[in-house]
Amino acid sequence: MTESNTQDLREEFNRWAEAGRGEGMEQDHLPITLPVLEMMRLEPRYNVLDVGCGSGWLSRRIAEKVLEGRVVGMDVSDQMVRVARRTSAEYDNVLYVTGEVGEIPWEANFFTQAISVESGYYWPDPAAGLKEISRVLRPGGKFWMLINYYRDNPHCHQWGALLAVKTHLLLADEWVERFSGSGFTEVAHERVVDRRHRRKYTPADGSAMRRSCGRSRRKALCWCMAKRAEG
C-alpha cells in the first residue's frame, strides 16, 4: 500500500462522484447484493461496516434492518462521502467516514458484520485491507465481499485496461488464501446468478467498461464470506 495509490483512487472516484456515477451503483449492484443481504441475517442491534460505500445506497438499506445498531459507510473518495451524507440525512443510525481499507478509522472489535460490494480489487494492498477489517470486527464477526472482477471470470479481464487506477485480478482461491492469512476462518466463496436481461449501457451511464461487461454481469459475480477468528 502506498500513499500515491490511495491518492490515485481518491482522485478517480472523486471524478466518478462529480459525474454522478455513484447514484447508478444501486441499479447495477442491487440484484446481486440482495441475496447476500438475506444470508447476512442482520439483526436490529448489529453494527455493520460498508467498505467502499460510494453514494451510500447499501448503507441505507442495511440501516433499515439494524434500527438499534449503527451502520458506518467508508469510502476513499471524500466526494462520494459528501454525496452519501447528503442523501442519507434522514437516517439517524448511519455515519459516513472518509478512509481507506488499509487504515480503517475505527476502533477494534466494534462491528458485528462488514460488507464490501465491488471494491476489493481496487484496494492497494488486499491483504492489509483484510487484516484491518478483521481488526474492527468483533470475534466471530463476519465479512462479506462481492466482486465481479476476478481471474476466474475471463469476460471482465479487459477492465484493467479501461480503468485509470491499478487493480488486482486474483483467482477466487487466491482471495480465500488472503482471507485465511488475515485472521479469518470458515472462508467460503460462491457465484451469485443475476437473472436480469442484459442491459444496454450508454456512455452517459457508465462508459465502455460497463458495456464490455454487460454479458458476464448476469452470471459471474462471486461472493466470499469469512468469520473472524474467535481467539
Protein backbone atom coordinates (compact mmCIF):
# COMPACT_ATOMS: atom_id res chain seq x y z
CA MET A 1 0.00 0.00 0.00
CA THR A 2 1.34 3.43 -0.88
CA GLU A 3 0.06 6.93 -0.30
CA SER A 4 0.24 7.60 -4.05
CA ASN A 5 -2.04 4.62 -4.82
CA THR A 6 -4.57 5.85 -2.27
CA GLN A 7 -4.45 9.35 -3.71
CA ASP A 8 -4.95 7.98 -7.23
CA LEU A 9 -8.04 6.11 -6.03
CA ARG A 10 -9.41 9.17 -4.27
CA GLU A 11 -8.98 11.35 -7.33
CA GLU A 12 -10.53 8.78 -9.66
CA PHE A 13 -13.61 8.17 -7.54
CA ASN A 14 -13.99 11.88 -6.87
CA ARG A 15 -14.34 12.21 -10.63
CA TRP A 16 -16.97 9.44 -10.59
CA ALA A 17 -18.87 11.31 -7.87
CA GLU A 18 -18.74 14.58 -9.77
CA ALA A 19 -20.06 12.79 -12.87
CA GLY A 20 -22.99 11.36 -10.90
CA ARG A 21 -21.87 7.77 -11.29
CA GLY A 22 -22.32 6.91 -7.62
CA GLU A 23 -26.08 7.17 -7.90
CA GLY A 24 -26.17 4.47 -10.61
CA MET A 25 -24.43 1.85 -8.50
CA GLU A 26 -27.61 0.73 -6.77
CA GLN A 27 -29.31 -0.15 -10.07
CA ASP A 28 -26.24 -2.09 -11.19
CA HIS A 29 -25.45 -3.95 -8.00
CA LEU A 30 -28.68 -4.36 -6.04
CA PRO A 31 -29.99 -7.54 -7.76
CA ILE A 32 -26.86 -9.49 -6.88
CA THR A 33 -26.49 -7.88 -3.44
CA LEU A 34 -29.99 -8.70 -2.17
CA PRO A 35 -29.35 -12.48 -1.87
CA VAL A 36 -26.23 -11.78 0.18
CA LEU A 37 -28.13 -9.38 2.45
CA GLU A 38 -30.55 -12.21 3.14
CA MET A 39 -27.68 -14.56 4.01
CA MET A 40 -26.25 -11.96 6.41
CA ARG A 41 -29.36 -12.35 8.62
CA LEU A 42 -28.98 -8.87 10.04
CA GLU A 43 -30.46 -8.24 13.47
CA PRO A 44 -31.66 -4.90 14.88
CA ARG A 45 -28.69 -4.36 17.21
CA TYR A 46 -25.94 -5.19 14.74
CA ASN A 47 -23.18 -2.71 13.91
CA VAL A 48 -22.21 -3.02 10.22
CA LEU A 49 -19.33 -1.60 8.20
CA ASP A 50 -19.85 -0.88 4.49
CA VAL A 51 -16.39 -0.77 2.87
CA GLY A 52 -16.33 1.30 -0.32
CA CYS A 53 -19.80 2.67 0.35
CA GLY A 54 -19.88 5.08 -2.61
CA SER A 55 -23.08 7.15 -2.54
CA GLY A 56 -24.39 5.16 0.44
CA TRP A 57 -27.11 3.13 -1.29
CA LEU A 58 -26.20 -0.09 0.53
CA SER A 59 -25.57 1.59 3.88
CA ARG A 60 -29.10 2.98 3.81
CA ARG A 61 -30.62 -0.42 3.06
CA ILE A 62 -28.67 -2.00 5.90
CA ALA A 63 -29.67 0.84 8.25
CA GLU A 64 -33.32 -0.09 7.77
CA LYS A 65 -32.55 -3.56 9.14
CA VAL A 66 -30.35 -2.58 12.13
CA LEU A 67 -32.53 0.12 13.68
CA GLU A 68 -30.98 -0.31 17.13
CA GLY A 69 -27.43 -0.61 15.81
CA ARG A 70 -25.16 1.51 13.66
CA VAL A 71 -24.00 1.47 10.07
CA VAL A 72 -20.69 3.04 9.12
CA GLY A 73 -20.10 3.66 5.44
CA MET A 74 -16.47 4.25 4.49
CA ASP A 75 -15.10 5.38 1.15
CA VAL A 76 -11.71 6.59 -0.04
CA SER A 77 -13.46 9.35 -2.01
CA ASP A 78 -14.36 12.39 0.07
CA GLN A 79 -16.71 13.49 -2.71
CA MET A 80 -18.60 10.18 -2.55
CA VAL A 81 -18.86 10.57 1.22
CA ARG A 82 -20.38 14.04 0.76
CA VAL A 83 -22.98 12.57 -1.61
CA ALA A 84 -23.74 9.76 0.84
CA ARG A 85 -24.21 12.18 3.74
CA ARG A 86 -26.49 14.41 1.70
CA THR A 87 -28.71 11.54 0.57
CA SER A 88 -28.87 9.89 4.00
CA ALA A 89 -29.82 12.87 6.13
CA GLU A 90 -32.99 11.21 7.42
CA TYR A 91 -31.13 8.16 8.79
CA ASP A 92 -30.10 8.56 12.42
CA ASN A 93 -28.14 5.31 12.58
CA VAL A 94 -25.80 5.87 9.60
CA LEU A 95 -22.41 7.58 9.74
CA TYR A 96 -20.06 8.12 6.79
CA VAL A 97 -16.30 8.50 7.05
CA THR A 98 -13.54 9.09 4.55
CA GLY A 99 -10.87 6.43 4.79
CA GLU A 100 -9.08 3.62 3.05
CA VAL A 101 -9.28 -0.03 3.87
CA GLY A 102 -5.63 -0.38 4.87
CA GLU A 103 -6.17 2.02 7.77
CA ILE A 104 -9.81 1.99 8.84
CA PRO A 105 -10.57 4.97 11.10
CA TRP A 106 -12.49 2.98 13.72
CA GLU A 107 -11.90 1.18 16.99
CA ALA A 108 -11.14 -2.53 17.18
CA ASN A 109 -13.77 -5.21 17.88
CA PHE A 110 -16.73 -2.94 17.10
CA PHE A 111 -18.59 -4.32 14.08
CA THR A 112 -20.83 -7.37 14.07
CA GLN A 113 -20.57 -7.73 10.29
CA ALA A 114 -18.89 -5.97 7.36
CA ILE A 115 -19.59 -5.96 3.65
CA SER A 116 -17.87 -4.70 0.50
CA VAL A 117 -19.51 -4.62 -2.94
CA GLU A 118 -17.26 -4.26 -5.98
CA SER A 119 -14.37 -2.55 -4.21
CA GLY A 120 -11.95 -5.30 -3.15
CA TYR A 121 -9.97 -5.36 -6.38
CA TYR A 122 -9.23 -1.64 -6.05
CA TRP A 123 -7.58 -1.95 -2.63
CA PRO A 124 -3.87 -1.02 -2.89
CA ASP A 125 -2.95 -3.94 -0.60
CA PRO A 126 -5.76 -6.54 -0.31
CA ALA A 127 -4.06 -8.47 2.49
CA ALA A 128 -3.60 -5.31 4.57
CA GLY A 129 -7.23 -4.38 3.97
CA LEU A 130 -8.48 -7.78 5.11
CA LYS A 131 -6.37 -7.56 8.27
CA GLU A 132 -7.87 -4.16 9.07
CA ILE A 133 -11.39 -5.45 8.52
CA SER A 134 -10.60 -8.36 10.83
CA ARG A 135 -9.31 -5.88 13.43
CA VAL A 136 -12.52 -3.82 13.54
CA LEU A 137 -14.81 -6.89 13.56
CA ARG A 138 -15.83 -8.48 16.82
CA PRO A 139 -14.53 -12.03 17.39
CA GLY A 140 -16.87 -14.26 15.39
CA GLY A 141 -17.99 -11.33 13.22
CA LYS A 142 -18.45 -11.96 9.50
CA PHE A 143 -17.14 -10.17 6.43
CA TRP A 144 -18.88 -10.45 3.05
CA MET A 145 -17.18 -9.39 -0.18
CA LEU A 146 -18.80 -9.27 -3.64
CA ILE A 147 -16.66 -8.87 -6.76
CA ASN A 148 -17.16 -9.27 -10.48
CA TYR A 149 -13.54 -8.65 -11.47
CA TYR A 150 -11.54 -11.78 -10.67
CA ARG A 151 -9.37 -14.09 -12.74
CA ASP A 152 -11.87 -16.98 -12.86
CA ASN A 153 -14.20 -14.67 -14.81
CA PRO A 154 -12.49 -14.18 -18.20
CA HIS A 155 -15.26 -11.94 -19.53
CA CYS A 156 -14.12 -8.99 -17.43
CA HIS A 157 -10.35 -9.23 -17.76
CA GLN A 158 -10.45 -6.19 -20.03
CA TRP A 159 -11.46 -3.93 -17.14
CA GLY A 160 -7.82 -3.37 -16.20
CA ALA A 161 -7.06 -1.60 -19.46
CA LEU A 162 -10.17 0.58 -19.18
CA LEU A 163 -9.64 1.80 -15.62
CA ALA A 164 -7.49 4.76 -14.65
CA VAL A 165 -6.23 3.09 -11.45
CA LYS A 166 -4.40 -0.09 -10.59
CA THR A 167 -6.50 -3.19 -9.88
CA HIS A 168 -5.82 -6.70 -8.56
CA LEU A 169 -7.05 -9.55 -10.78
CA LEU A 170 -6.94 -12.50 -8.37
CA LEU A 171 -8.34 -16.00 -8.51
CA ALA A 172 -11.18 -16.75 -6.09
CA ASP A 173 -8.86 -19.23 -4.38
CA GLU A 174 -6.22 -16.50 -4.02
CA TRP A 175 -8.78 -14.34 -2.24
CA VAL A 176 -9.53 -17.29 0.05
CA GLU A 177 -5.83 -17.58 0.87
CA ARG A 178 -5.67 -13.90 1.76
CA PHE A 179 -8.75 -14.19 3.97
CA SER A 180 -7.24 -17.18 5.75
CA GLY A 181 -3.96 -15.34 6.32
CA SER A 182 -5.68 -12.25 7.76
CA GLY A 183 -7.37 -13.59 10.86
CA PHE A 184 -10.43 -15.18 9.24
CA THR A 185 -11.78 -18.73 9.47
CA GLU A 186 -14.57 -20.67 7.76
CA VAL A 187 -13.83 -18.95 4.45
CA ALA A 188 -16.24 -19.78 1.62
CA HIS A 189 -16.97 -18.43 -1.84
CA GLU A 190 -19.73 -18.91 -4.39
CA ARG A 191 -21.12 -17.34 -7.54
CA VAL A 192 -24.27 -15.20 -7.48
CA VAL A 193 -26.53 -15.50 -10.51
CA ASP A 194 -28.15 -12.31 -11.76
CA ARG A 195 -31.10 -13.35 -13.91
CA ARG A 196 -31.88 -9.91 -15.29
CA HIS A 197 -31.98 -9.37 -19.02
CA ARG A 198 -28.82 -7.81 -20.29
CA ARG A 199 -28.86 -4.00 -20.07
CA LYS A 200 -27.92 -1.76 -22.93
CA TYR A 201 -25.36 0.62 -21.50
CA THR A 202 -24.72 4.06 -22.90
CA PRO A 203 -21.71 6.31 -22.34
CA ALA A 204 -23.82 8.56 -20.11
CA ASP A 205 -24.49 5.86 -17.55
CA GLY A 206 -21.22 4.02 -17.36
CA SER A 207 -18.77 4.07 -20.33
CA ALA A 208 -17.11 1.25 -22.25
CA MET A 209 -16.25 -0.71 -19.11
CA ARG A 210 -19.90 -1.45 -18.32
CA ARG A 211 -20.79 -2.18 -21.92
CA SER A 212 -17.93 -4.67 -22.19
CA CYS A 213 -19.05 -6.49 -19.05
CA GLY A 214 -22.80 -6.47 -19.57
CA ARG A 215 -22.97 -10.13 -20.52
CA SER A 216 -20.80 -11.50 -17.75
CA ARG A 217 -22.53 -9.48 -15.01
CA ARG A 218 -25.51 -11.87 -15.18
CA LYS A 219 -23.61 -14.97 -14.17
CA ALA A 220 -20.10 -14.36 -12.91
CA LEU A 221 -20.22 -12.28 -9.76
CA CYS A 222 -18.59 -14.01 -6.80
CA TRP A 223 -19.19 -13.55 -3.10
CA CYS A 224 -16.76 -14.53 -0.37
CA MET A 225 -17.70 -14.90 3.29
CA ALA A 226 -15.42 -15.37 6.25
CA LYS A 227 -15.66 -15.26 10.02
CA ARG A 228 -13.15 -13.51 12.25
CA ALA A 229 -11.36 -15.98 14.47
CA GLU A 230 -12.81 -16.21 17.97
CA GLY A 231 -9.46 -16.20 19.73
